[in-house]
Amino acid sequence: MARAQGARAQMALAYESAYGSAPASGFSRMPFASATLGAEQPLLNSELLGYGRDPLPPVKDAVTADGDVVVPIDARGFGFWLKGAFGAPTTTGSGPYTHEFTSGSWSLPSMAIELGLPEVPRYAMCTGCVVDQLSWQMQRAGLLTATASLVAQGEATATSSQAGSLGEFDLLRFGHFNGSVTRNGTALGNLVSAQVTYANNLDRIETIRSDGRIDGADPTIASLTGSIEVRFASNTLLDQAIAGGACELVFAYSLPSGESLTLTAHAVYLPRPRIELSGPQGVQATFDWQAALDPGQGRMCTVQLVNDVESY
């Protein structure tokens, strides 16, 4: 009997035209590093007395379907996750194409995601998947990945794939070496690492249903937060934190072939950190920043993805 191996696992993704209903076609093969997406249904212990010390059979509780997917930040496939997090982009150009995603959308697309283990075989189709959070870290070295946290409506399993013929795209991956961070148009010096998290803060619609699933996941007030860790070499960031003003932070990746990914946080506020002296080595400071609505731009952040994909 064959045993399931992660090396042979496959992921297929498509956008739904109706929430919770997987489309019959239009799936794309997605690269991923790990996934915890799936449904679980816990058991409730019996509280009844009078039947001796041995418990009565447990009762099934409601179904919870959610999880994280770790994906590479690449010039083509990452656009699918950006659309899930921000909504449909505005696309301009005729090749290369510029896809502009903006925060603040009241309507987010839902996705059907199938995770397949062909050895068993087991193909789990999660429907009604909505991106709750998208986060990644910038650093000097290592593999560049992002984590997409998803809220799904439910999961159905089959012994064969329900995704049909899969669309393919060549992986064109960004690396930490391709990254840069600027503050008000100037490169942010002495930066050790940075972390970015965009959250839709979804509200699960937990109504009474015979199948135990949710009715939907609605976006509430969004948030864009993170941290920047710097070698303490000037008072620029500390002065901003004390004054309480805002700055613009741009987190960008670019490839020599012209593809790029840029997230612009238009109005970023910094807290006043404690400057700690922990030994003879260099002094570092961490600023846990928060972004907010910029009245001039009319939004909190903008993401631009430049590639050769015509549409998402």
C-alpha atoms as a PDB file:
ATOM      1  CA  MET A   1       0.000   0.000   0.000  1.00  0.00           C
ATOM      2  CA  ALA A   2       1.367   3.440  -0.998  1.00  0.00           C
ATOM      3  CA  ARG A   3       2.030   5.995   1.715  1.00  0.00           C
ATOM      4  CA  ALA A   4       1.360   9.687   1.263  1.00  0.00           C
ATOM      5  CA  GLN A   5       4.410  11.916   0.830  1.00  0.00           C
ATOM      6  CA  GLY A   6       4.550  15.681   0.799  1.00  0.00           C
ATOM      7  CA  ALA A   7       6.960  15.599  -2.129  1.00  0.00           C
ATOM      8  CA  ARG A   8       4.130  14.365  -4.374  1.00  0.00           C
ATOM      9  CA  ALA A   9       1.432  16.637  -3.019  1.00  0.00           C
ATOM     10  CA  GLN A  10      -0.275  19.007  -5.438  1.00  0.00           C
ATOM     11  CA  MET A  11      -2.267  22.205  -4.990  1.00  0.00           C
ATOM     12  CA  ALA A  12      -4.823  23.570  -7.441  1.00  0.00           C
ATOM     13  CA  LEU A  13      -6.572  26.940  -7.072  1.00  0.00           C
ATOM     14  CA  ALA A  14      -9.486  28.657  -8.817  1.00  0.00           C
ATOM     15  CA  TYR A  15     -11.725  31.593  -7.993  1.00  0.00           C
ATOM     16  CA  GLU A  16     -15.383  30.854  -7.273  1.00  0.00           C
ATOM     17  CA  SER A  17     -18.275  32.566  -9.029  1.00  0.00           C
ATOM     18  CA  ALA A  18     -20.543  31.622  -6.097  1.00  0.00           C
ATOM     19  CA  TYR A  19     -19.291  31.396  -2.519  1.00  0.00           C
ATOM     20  CA  GLY A  20     -18.710  27.820  -1.430  1.00  0.00           C
ATOM     21  CA  SER A  21     -19.144  26.275  -4.902  1.00  0.00           C
ATOM     22  CA  ALA A  22     -16.048  24.976  -6.642  1.00  0.00           C
ATOM     23  CA  PRO A  23     -15.948  25.781 -10.373  1.00  0.00           C
ATOM     24  CA  ALA A  24     -15.794  22.950 -12.874  1.00  0.00           C
ATOM     25  CA  SER A  25     -12.693  24.356 -14.584  1.00  0.00           C
ATOM     26  CA  GLY A  26     -10.209  27.194 -14.485  1.00  0.00           C
ATOM     27  CA  PHE A  27      -7.856  25.752 -11.865  1.00  0.00           C
ATOM     28  CA  SER A  28      -4.140  26.587 -11.819  1.00  0.00           C
ATOM     29  CA  ARG A  29      -1.330  24.542 -10.335  1.00  0.00           C
ATOM     30  CA  MET A  30       0.121  26.501  -7.421  1.00  0.00           C
ATOM     31  CA  PRO A  31       3.595  26.195  -5.907  1.00  0.00           C
ATOM     32  CA  PHE A  32       3.665  25.900  -2.125  1.00  0.00           C
ATOM     33  CA  ALA A  33       6.071  24.934   0.646  1.00  0.00           C
ATOM     34  CA  SER A  34       3.602  23.712   3.277  1.00  0.00           C
ATOM     35  CA  ALA A  35      -0.104  23.767   4.036  1.00  0.00           C
ATOM     36  CA  THR A  36      -2.302  23.256   7.089  1.00  0.00           C
ATOM     37  CA  LEU A  37      -5.517  24.098   5.241  1.00  0.00           C
ATOM     38  CA  GLY A  38      -8.322  21.665   5.968  1.00  0.00           C
ATOM     39  CA  ALA A  39     -11.468  20.931   7.941  1.00  0.00           C
ATOM     40  CA  GLU A  40     -11.689  19.533  11.435  1.00  0.00           C
ATOM     41  CA  GLN A  41     -14.619  18.548  13.622  1.00  0.00           C
ATOM     42  CA  PRO A  42     -13.887  17.999  17.308  1.00  0.00           C
ATOM     43  CA  LEU A  43     -15.808  15.703  19.640  1.00  0.00           C
ATOM     44  CA  LEU A  44     -17.605  16.928  22.764  1.00  0.00           C
ATOM     45  CA  ASN A  45     -17.374  14.785  25.855  1.00  0.00           C
ATOM     46  CA  SER A  46     -20.665  13.662  27.328  1.00  0.00           C
ATOM     47  CA  GLU A  47     -21.611  15.543  30.495  1.00  0.00           C
ATOM     48  CA  LEU A  48     -24.432  13.166  31.500  1.00  0.00           C
ATOM     49  CA  LEU A  49     -24.451  11.389  34.858  1.00  0.00           C
ATOM     50  CA  GLY A  50     -26.046   8.231  36.118  1.00  0.00           C
ATOM     51  CA  TYR A  51     -24.445   5.703  33.767  1.00  0.00           C
ATOM     52  CA  GLY A  52     -21.435   4.682  35.837  1.00  0.00           C
ATOM     53  CA  ARG A  53     -17.824   5.771  35.531  1.00  0.00           C
ATOM     54  CA  ASP A  54     -17.486   4.938  31.843  1.00  0.00           C
ATOM     55  CA  PRO A  55     -18.513   7.879  29.635  1.00  0.00           C
ATOM     56  CA  LEU A  56     -21.286   7.867  27.084  1.00  0.00           C
ATOM     57  CA  PRO A  57     -20.407   8.333  23.387  1.00  0.00           C
ATOM     58  CA  PRO A  58     -19.173  11.838  22.462  1.00  0.00           C
ATOM     59  CA  VAL A  59     -21.142  14.262  20.304  1.00  0.00           C
ATOM     60  CA  LYS A  60     -19.818  15.929  17.154  1.00  0.00           C
ATOM     61  CA  ASP A  61     -19.189  19.672  17.342  1.00  0.00           C
ATOM     62  CA  ALA A  62     -19.264  22.256  14.523  1.00  0.00           C
ATOM     63  CA  VAL A  63     -16.942  22.012  11.524  1.00  0.00           C
ATOM     64  CA  THR A  64     -14.013  24.428  11.365  1.00  0.00           C
ATOM     65  CA  ALA A  65     -12.214  24.843   8.039  1.00  0.00           C
ATOM     66  CA  ASP A  66      -9.166  27.078   7.909  1.00  0.00           C
ATOM     67  CA  GLY A  67      -5.372  26.983   7.888  1.00  0.00           C
ATOM     68  CA  ASP A  68      -2.167  28.477   6.521  1.00  0.00           C
ATOM     69  CA  VAL A  69      -0.447  28.037   3.187  1.00  0.00           C
ATOM     70  CA  VAL A  70       3.234  28.950   2.819  1.00  0.00           C
ATOM     71  CA  VAL A  71       3.951  30.040  -0.749  1.00  0.00           C
ATOM     72  CA  PRO A  72       6.947  31.486  -2.605  1.00  0.00           C
ATOM     73  CA  ILE A  73       6.874  35.180  -3.448  1.00  0.00           C
ATOM     74  CA  ASP A  74       7.231  35.027  -7.208  1.00  0.00           C
ATOM     75  CA  ALA A  75       6.444  37.336 -10.103  1.00  0.00           C
ATOM     76  CA  ARG A  76       3.490  35.329 -11.453  1.00  0.00           C
ATOM     77  CA  GLY A  77       1.803  33.027  -8.941  1.00  0.00           C
ATOM     78  CA  PHE A  78       1.854  35.508  -6.071  1.00  0.00           C
ATOM     79  CA  GLY A  79      -0.726  37.576  -7.934  1.00  0.00           C
ATOM     80  CA  PHE A  80      -3.367  34.945  -7.128  1.00  0.00           C
ATOM     81  CA  TRP A  81      -2.813  35.450  -3.399  1.00  0.00           C
ATOM     82  CA  LEU A  82      -2.726  39.234  -3.744  1.00  0.00           C
ATOM     83  CA  LYS A  83      -6.104  39.125  -5.473  1.00  0.00           C
ATOM     84  CA  GLY A  84      -7.451  36.991  -2.643  1.00  0.00           C
ATOM     85  CA  ALA A  85      -6.159  39.458  -0.036  1.00  0.00           C
ATOM     86  CA  PHE A  86      -7.005  42.770  -1.728  1.00  0.00           C
ATOM     87  CA  GLY A  87      -9.599  41.992  -4.387  1.00  0.00           C
ATOM     88  CA  ALA A  88      -9.357  42.245  -8.150  1.00  0.00           C
ATOM     89  CA  PRO A  89      -6.567  44.533  -9.403  1.00  0.00           C
ATOM     90  CA  THR A  90      -6.604  47.337 -11.950  1.00  0.00           C
ATOM     91  CA  THR A  91      -4.415  46.152 -14.821  1.00  0.00           C
ATOM     92  CA  THR A  92      -2.684  48.448 -17.305  1.00  0.00           C
ATOM     93  CA  GLY A  93      -0.105  47.964 -20.020  1.00  0.00           C
ATOM     94  CA  SER A  94       0.191  45.573 -22.938  1.00  0.00           C
ATOM     95  CA  GLY A  95       3.087  43.418 -21.831  1.00  0.00           C
ATOM     96  CA  PRO A  96       4.601  43.841 -19.369  1.00  0.00           C
ATOM     97  CA  TYR A  97       1.399  44.342 -17.380  1.00  0.00           C
ATOM     98  CA  THR A  98       1.069  46.374 -14.197  1.00  0.00           C
ATOM     99  CA  HIS A  99      -1.457  44.983 -11.722  1.00  0.00           C
ATOM    100  CA  GLU A 100      -2.403  47.463  -8.997  1.00  0.00           C
ATOM    101  CA  PHE A 101      -4.058  46.153  -5.837  1.00  0.00           C
ATOM    102  CA  THR A 102      -5.429  48.588  -3.260  1.00  0.00           C
ATOM    103  CA  SER A 103      -6.591  48.183   0.323  1.00  0.00           C
ATOM    104  CA  GLY A 104     -10.092  48.938   1.499  1.00  0.00           C
ATOM    105  CA  SER A 105     -12.187  46.737  -0.804  1.00  0.00           C
ATOM    106  CA  TRP A 106     -15.506  45.692   0.761  1.00  0.00           C
ATOM    107  CA  SER A 107     -15.730  42.597  -1.452  1.00  0.00           C
ATOM    108  CA  LEU A 108     -13.122  39.840  -1.498  1.00  0.00           C
ATOM    109  CA  PRO A 109     -13.124  36.885  -3.890  1.00  0.00           C
ATOM    110  CA  SER A 110     -13.488  33.364  -2.562  1.00  0.00           C
ATOM    111  CA  MET A 111     -11.383  30.499  -3.838  1.00  0.00           C
ATOM    112  CA  ALA A 112     -11.599  26.759  -4.213  1.00  0.00           C
ATOM    113  CA  ILE A 113      -8.322  25.065  -3.299  1.00  0.00           C
ATOM    114  CA  GLU A 114      -7.661  21.365  -3.819  1.00  0.00           C
ATOM    115  CA  LEU A 115      -4.860  19.593  -1.991  1.00  0.00           C
ATOM    116  CA  GLY A 116      -4.066  16.246  -3.559  1.00  0.00           C
ATOM    117  CA  LEU A 117      -2.226  13.195  -2.239  1.00  0.00           C
ATOM    118  CA  PRO A 118      -2.161  10.886  -5.272  1.00  0.00           C
ATOM    119  CA  GLU A 119      -0.662   7.864  -3.458  1.00  0.00           C
ATOM    120  CA  VAL A 120      -3.624   7.207  -1.137  1.00  0.00           C
ATOM    121  CA  PRO A 121      -5.439   8.619  -3.194  1.00  0.00           C
ATOM    122  CA  ARG A 122      -7.030  11.594  -1.401  1.00  0.00           C
ATOM    123  CA  TYR A 123      -8.038  14.887  -2.965  1.00  0.00           C
ATOM    124  CA  ALA A 124      -9.454  17.440  -0.523  1.00  0.00           C
ATOM    125  CA  MET A 125     -11.351  20.344  -2.085  1.00  0.00           C
ATOM    126  CA  CYS A 126     -11.676  23.298   0.291  1.00  0.00           C
ATOM    127  CA  THR A 127     -14.349  25.714  -0.887  1.00  0.00           C
ATOM    128  CA  GLY A 128     -15.229  29.225   0.208  1.00  0.00           C
ATOM    129  CA  CYS A 129     -11.565  30.041   0.957  1.00  0.00           C
ATOM    130  CA  VAL A 130     -11.047  33.729   1.790  1.00  0.00           C
ATOM    131  CA  VAL A 131      -7.668  35.265   2.652  1.00  0.00           C
ATOM    132  CA  ASP A 132      -7.692  36.507   6.222  1.00  0.00           C
ATOM    133  CA  GLN A 133      -4.021  37.478   6.420  1.00  0.00           C
ATOM    134  CA  LEU A 134      -0.985  37.727   4.156  1.00  0.00           C
ATOM    135  CA  SER A 135       2.438  38.161   5.722  1.00  0.00           C
ATOM    136  CA  TRP A 136       6.125  37.843   4.934  1.00  0.00           C
ATOM    137  CA  GLN A 137       9.531  38.762   6.308  1.00  0.00           C
ATOM    138  CA  MET A 138      12.429  40.575   4.676  1.00  0.00           C
ATOM    139  CA  GLN A 139      15.941  39.672   5.716  1.00  0.00           C
ATOM    140  CA  ARG A 140      19.456  39.404   4.330  1.00  0.00           C
ATOM    141  CA  ALA A 141      19.517  35.722   3.375  1.00  0.00           C
ATOM    142  CA  GLY A 142      17.346  32.618   3.093  1.00  0.00           C
ATOM    143  CA  LEU A 143      14.334  31.607   1.046  1.00  0.00           C
ATOM    144  CA  LEU A 144      11.653  34.240   0.493  1.00  0.00           C
ATOM    145  CA  THR A 145       8.153  32.968   1.284  1.00  0.00           C
ATOM    146  CA  ALA A 146       4.819  34.398   2.392  1.00  0.00           C
ATOM    147  CA  THR A 147       2.145  32.899   4.621  1.00  0.00           C
ATOM    148  CA  ALA A 148      -1.489  33.139   3.544  1.00  0.00           C
ATOM    149  CA  SER A 149      -3.950  32.499   6.380  1.00  0.00           C
ATOM    150  CA  LEU A 150      -7.293  31.313   5.020  1.00  0.00           C
ATOM    151  CA  VAL A 151     -10.831  30.904   6.335  1.00  0.00           C
ATOM    152  CA  ALA A 152     -12.819  28.300   4.382  1.00  0.00           C
ATOM    153  CA  GLN A 153     -16.425  27.164   4.453  1.00  0.00           C
ATOM    154  CA  GLY A 154     -15.852  23.447   4.194  1.00  0.00           C
ATOM    155  CA  GLU A 155     -13.960  20.528   2.737  1.00  0.00           C
ATOM    156  CA  ALA A 156     -15.002  17.631   0.519  1.00  0.00           C
ATOM    157  CA  THR A 157     -12.759  14.669  -0.262  1.00  0.00           C
ATOM    158  CA  ALA A 158     -12.623  12.396  -3.295  1.00  0.00           C
ATOM    159  CA  THR A 159     -10.388   9.646  -4.669  1.00  0.00           C
ATOM    160  CA  SER A 160      -9.675  11.571  -7.886  1.00  0.00           C
ATOM    161  CA  SER A 161      -8.977  15.196  -8.654  1.00  0.00           C
ATOM    162  CA  GLN A 162     -11.987  17.436  -9.253  1.00  0.00           C
ATOM    163  CA  ALA A 163      -9.876  20.290 -10.615  1.00  0.00           C
ATOM    164  CA  GLY A 164      -9.712  19.068 -14.216  1.00  0.00           C
ATOM    165  CA  SER A 165      -6.955  20.295 -16.520  1.00  0.00           C
ATOM    166  CA  LEU A 166      -4.638  22.662 -14.664  1.00  0.00           C
ATOM    167  CA  GLY A 167      -3.234  25.912 -15.962  1.00  0.00           C
ATOM    168  CA  GLU A 168       0.541  26.135 -15.695  1.00  0.00           C
ATOM    169  CA  PHE A 169       2.974  29.027 -15.340  1.00  0.00           C
ATOM    170  CA  ASP A 170       6.757  29.123 -15.050  1.00  0.00           C
ATOM    171  CA  LEU A 171       8.004  30.026 -11.606  1.00  0.00           C
ATOM    172  CA  LEU A 172       9.907  33.320 -11.547  1.00  0.00           C
ATOM    173  CA  ARG A 173      10.879  33.699  -7.921  1.00  0.00           C
ATOM    174  CA  PHE A 174      12.054  36.752  -6.016  1.00  0.00           C
ATOM    175  CA  GLY A 175      14.801  36.408  -3.425  1.00  0.00           C
ATOM    176  CA  HIS A 176      15.834  38.422  -0.401  1.00  0.00           C
ATOM    177  CA  PHE A 177      18.726  39.692  -2.523  1.00  0.00           C
ATOM    178  CA  ASN A 178      16.156  41.452  -4.761  1.00  0.00           C
ATOM    179  CA  GLY A 179      14.530  43.332  -1.866  1.00  0.00           C
ATOM    180  CA  SER A 180      14.730  46.953  -0.765  1.00  0.00           C
ATOM    181  CA  VAL A 181      12.998  49.223   1.763  1.00  0.00           C
ATOM    182  CA  THR A 182      12.670  52.977   1.382  1.00  0.00           C
ATOM    183  CA  ARG A 183      11.330  55.675   3.708  1.00  0.00           C
ATOM    184  CA  ASN A 184       9.900  58.797   2.073  1.00  0.00           C
ATOM    185  CA  GLY A 185      11.747  57.926  -1.130  1.00  0.00           C
ATOM    186  CA  THR A 186      15.146  57.329   0.495  1.00  0.00           C
ATOM    187  CA  ALA A 187      16.699  53.927   1.173  1.00  0.00           C
ATOM    188  CA  LEU A 188      16.276  52.972   4.821  1.00  0.00           C
ATOM    189  CA  GLY A 189      19.805  52.425   6.106  1.00  0.00           C
ATOM    190  CA  ASN A 190      21.073  50.055   8.791  1.00  0.00           C
ATOM    191  CA  LEU A 191      18.030  47.821   8.301  1.00  0.00           C
ATOM    192  CA  VAL A 192      18.484  44.327   9.719  1.00  0.00           C
ATOM    193  CA  SER A 193      15.043  42.831   9.012  1.00  0.00           C
ATOM    194  CA  ALA A 194      11.475  43.819   8.281  1.00  0.00           C
ATOM    195  CA  GLN A 195       8.138  42.103   8.686  1.00  0.00           C
ATOM    196  CA  VAL A 196       4.902  42.942   6.856  1.00  0.00           C
ATOM    197  CA  THR A 197       1.377  41.703   7.702  1.00  0.00           C
ATOM    198  CA  TYR A 198      -1.829  42.685   5.914  1.00  0.00           C
ATOM    199  CA  ALA A 199      -4.993  41.407   7.614  1.00  0.00           C
ATOM    200  CA  ASN A 200      -8.636  41.545   6.545  1.00  0.00           C
ATOM    201  CA  ASN A 201      -9.780  40.562  10.066  1.00  0.00           C
ATOM    202  CA  LEU A 202     -12.570  38.372   8.715  1.00  0.00           C
ATOM    203  CA  ASP A 203     -15.828  37.980  10.595  1.00  0.00           C
ATOM    204  CA  ARG A 204     -17.048  34.383  10.391  1.00  0.00           C
ATOM    205  CA  ILE A 205     -20.825  34.183   9.872  1.00  0.00           C
ATOM    206  CA  GLU A 206     -21.553  31.285  12.229  1.00  0.00           C
ATOM    207  CA  THR A 207     -25.240  30.553  11.709  1.00  0.00           C
ATOM    208  CA  ILE A 208     -27.150  27.381  12.567  1.00  0.00           C
ATOM    209  CA  ARG A 209     -26.887  24.941   9.671  1.00  0.00           C
ATOM    210  CA  SER A 210     -27.424  21.226   9.315  1.00  0.00           C
ATOM    211  CA  ASP A 211     -23.946  20.760   7.840  1.00  0.00           C
ATOM    212  CA  GLY A 212     -22.176  22.721  10.597  1.00  0.00           C
ATOM    213  CA  ARG A 213     -20.491  25.102   8.145  1.00  0.00           C
ATOM    214  CA  ILE A 214     -20.313  28.881   8.229  1.00  0.00           C
ATOM    215  CA  ASP A 215     -22.404  31.081   5.938  1.00  0.00           C
ATOM    216  CA  GLY A 216     -19.488  33.287   4.961  1.00  0.00           C
ATOM    217  CA  ALA A 217     -16.487  35.325   6.046  1.00  0.00           C
ATOM    218  CA  ASP A 218     -16.919  39.095   5.784  1.00  0.00           C
ATOM    219  CA  PRO A 219     -14.018  41.570   5.900  1.00  0.00           C
ATOM    220  CA  THR A 220     -14.027  44.128   8.718  1.00  0.00           C
ATOM    221  CA  ILE A 221     -11.509  46.906   9.442  1.00  0.00           C
ATOM    222  CA  ALA A 222      -8.278  45.988   7.674  1.00  0.00           C
ATOM    223  CA  SER A 223      -4.837  46.393   9.200  1.00  0.00           C
ATOM    224  CA  LEU A 224      -1.322  46.722   7.859  1.00  0.00           C
ATOM    225  CA  THR A 225       1.298  46.209  10.523  1.00  0.00           C
ATOM    226  CA  GLY A 226       4.824  44.960  10.890  1.00  0.00           C
ATOM    227  CA  SER A 227       8.203  45.662  12.355  1.00  0.00           C
ATOM    228  CA  ILE A 228      11.532  47.054  11.259  1.00  0.00           C
ATOM    229  CA  GLU A 229      14.701  46.172  13.139  1.00  0.00           C
ATOM    230  CA  VAL A 230      17.562  48.586  12.602  1.00  0.00           C
ATOM    231  CA  ARG A 231      21.071  49.141  13.846  1.00  0.00           C
ATOM    232  CA  PHE A 232      20.811  52.255  15.978  1.00  0.00           C
ATOM    233  CA  ALA A 233      22.883  54.774  14.008  1.00  0.00           C
ATOM    234  CA  SER A 234      20.690  57.905  13.919  1.00  0.00           C
ATOM    235  CA  ASN A 235      17.702  59.505  15.600  1.00  0.00           C
ATOM    236  CA  THR A 236      15.610  59.782  12.423  1.00  0.00           C
ATOM    237  CA  LEU A 237      13.112  57.033  13.247  1.00  0.00           C
ATOM    238  CA  LEU A 238      13.135  57.799  16.949  1.00  0.00           C
ATOM    239  CA  ASP A 239      12.419  61.480  16.292  1.00  0.00           C
ATOM    240  CA  GLN A 240       9.453  60.524  14.102  1.00  0.00           C
ATOM    241  CA  ALA A 241       8.126  58.202  16.785  1.00  0.00           C
ATOM    242  CA  ILE A 242       8.367  60.903  19.442  1.00  0.00           C
ATOM    243  CA  ALA A 243       6.794  63.559  17.186  1.00  0.00           C
ATOM    244  CA  GLY A 244       3.950  61.217  16.191  1.00  0.00           C
ATOM    245  CA  GLY A 245       4.060  61.992  12.471  1.00  0.00           C
ATOM    246  CA  ALA A 246       3.654  59.596   9.559  1.00  0.00           C
ATOM    247  CA  CYS A 247       6.040  58.486   6.847  1.00  0.00           C
ATOM    248  CA  GLU A 248       5.758  56.425   3.679  1.00  0.00           C
ATOM    249  CA  LEU A 249       7.399  52.997   3.673  1.00  0.00           C
ATOM    250  CA  VAL A 250       7.942  51.075   0.436  1.00  0.00           C
ATOM    251  CA  PHE A 251       8.817  47.368   0.470  1.00  0.00           C
ATOM    252  CA  ALA A 252       9.959  46.269  -2.990  1.00  0.00           C
ATOM    253  CA  TYR A 253      11.456  43.404  -4.957  1.00  0.00           C
ATOM    254  CA  SER A 254      12.718  43.601  -8.527  1.00  0.00           C
ATOM    255  CA  LEU A 255      14.341  41.245 -11.011  1.00  0.00           C
ATOM    256  CA  PRO A 256      16.863  42.103 -13.752  1.00  0.00           C
ATOM    257  CA  SER A 257      14.309  40.921 -16.337  1.00  0.00           C
ATOM    258  CA  GLY A 258      11.910  43.733 -15.313  1.00  0.00           C
ATOM    259  CA  GLU A 259       9.408  41.971 -13.067  1.00  0.00           C
ATOM    260  CA  SER A 260       8.752  43.690  -9.739  1.00  0.00           C
ATOM    261  CA  LEU A 261       6.586  43.631  -6.631  1.00  0.00           C
ATOM    262  CA  THR A 262       6.080  46.823  -4.604  1.00  0.00           C
ATOM    263  CA  LEU A 263       4.007  47.392  -1.478  1.00  0.00           C
ATOM    264  CA  THR A 264       3.602  51.036  -0.510  1.00  0.00           C
ATOM    265  CA  ALA A 265       2.293  51.863   2.956  1.00  0.00           C
ATOM    266  CA  HIS A 266       1.279  55.488   2.490  1.00  0.00           C
ATOM    267  CA  ALA A 267       0.989  56.580   6.127  1.00  0.00           C
ATOM    268  CA  VAL A 268       3.081  54.662   8.655  1.00  0.00           C
ATOM    269  CA  TYR A 269       3.235  55.514  12.345  1.00  0.00           C
ATOM    270  CA  LEU A 270       6.063  54.391  14.609  1.00  0.00           C
ATOM    271  CA  PRO A 271       5.940  53.690  18.352  1.00  0.00           C
ATOM    272  CA  ARG A 272       8.650  54.909  20.672  1.00  0.00           C
ATOM    273  CA  PRO A 273      10.809  51.847  21.437  1.00  0.00           C
ATOM    274  CA  ARG A 274      13.038  51.134  24.392  1.00  0.00           C
ATOM    275  CA  ILE A 275      16.716  51.314  23.405  1.00  0.00           C
ATOM    276  CA  GLU A 276      18.327  48.361  25.161  1.00  0.00           C
ATOM    277  CA  LEU A 277      22.035  47.831  25.786  1.00  0.00           C
ATOM    278  CA  SER A 278      22.518  44.086  26.111  1.00  0.00           C
ATOM    279  CA  GLY A 279      26.281  43.801  25.724  1.00  0.00           C
ATOM    280  CA  PRO A 280      29.337  45.030  23.862  1.00  0.00           C
ATOM    281  CA  GLN A 281      27.875  44.301  20.425  1.00  0.00           C
ATOM    282  CA  GLY A 282      26.028  46.833  18.251  1.00  0.00           C
ATOM    283  CA  VAL A 283      22.826  48.413  19.535  1.00  0.00           C
ATOM    284  CA  GLN A 284      19.611  47.575  17.695  1.00  0.00           C
ATOM    285  CA  ALA A 285      16.100  48.980  17.906  1.00  0.00           C
ATOM    286  CA  THR A 286      12.802  47.458  16.799  1.00  0.00           C
ATOM    287  CA  PHE A 287       9.897  49.621  15.664  1.00  0.00           C
ATOM    288  CA  ASP A 288       6.518  47.836  15.572  1.00  0.00           C
ATOM    289  CA  TRP A 289       4.877  50.077  12.976  1.00  0.00           C
ATOM    290  CA  GLN A 290       1.232  50.532  12.032  1.00  0.00           C
ATOM    291  CA  ALA A 291      -0.200  51.898   8.803  1.00  0.00           C
ATOM    292  CA  ALA A 292      -3.376  53.943   8.519  1.00  0.00           C
ATOM    293  CA  LEU A 293      -5.555  55.647   5.931  1.00  0.00           C
ATOM    294  CA  ASP A 294      -3.729  58.379   4.020  1.00  0.00           C
ATOM    295  CA  PRO A 295      -6.292  61.110   3.209  1.00  0.00           C
ATOM    296  CA  GLY A 296      -4.263  62.255   0.218  1.00  0.00           C
ATOM    297  CA  GLN A 297      -4.157  58.800  -1.380  1.00  0.00           C
ATOM    298  CA  GLY A 298      -7.579  57.744  -0.134  1.00  0.00           C
ATOM    299  CA  ARG A 299      -6.290  54.365   0.989  1.00  0.00           C
ATOM    300  CA  MET A 300      -3.888  52.704   3.388  1.00  0.00           C
ATOM    301  CA  CYS A 301      -1.638  50.861   0.945  1.00  0.00           C
ATOM    302  CA  THR A 302      -1.041  50.032  -2.695  1.00  0.00           C
ATOM    303  CA  VAL A 303       0.570  46.917  -4.156  1.00  0.00           C
ATOM    304  CA  GLN A 304       1.940  46.870  -7.704  1.00  0.00           C
ATOM    305  CA  LEU A 305       2.911  43.651  -9.449  1.00  0.00           C
ATOM    306  CA  VAL A 306       4.635  43.950 -12.825  1.00  0.00           C
ATOM    307  CA  ASN A 307       4.852  40.773 -14.909  1.00  0.00           C
ATOM    308  CA  ASP A 308       3.801  39.125 -18.184  1.00  0.00           C
ATOM    309  CA  VAL A 309       0.453  37.778 -16.898  1.00  0.00           C
ATOM    310  CA  GLU A 310      -2.405  39.442 -18.748  1.00  0.00           C
ATOM    311  CA  SER A 311      -5.021  39.151 -15.987  1.00  0.00           C
ATOM    312  CA  TYR A 312      -5.882  37.515 -12.673  1.00  0.00           C
END
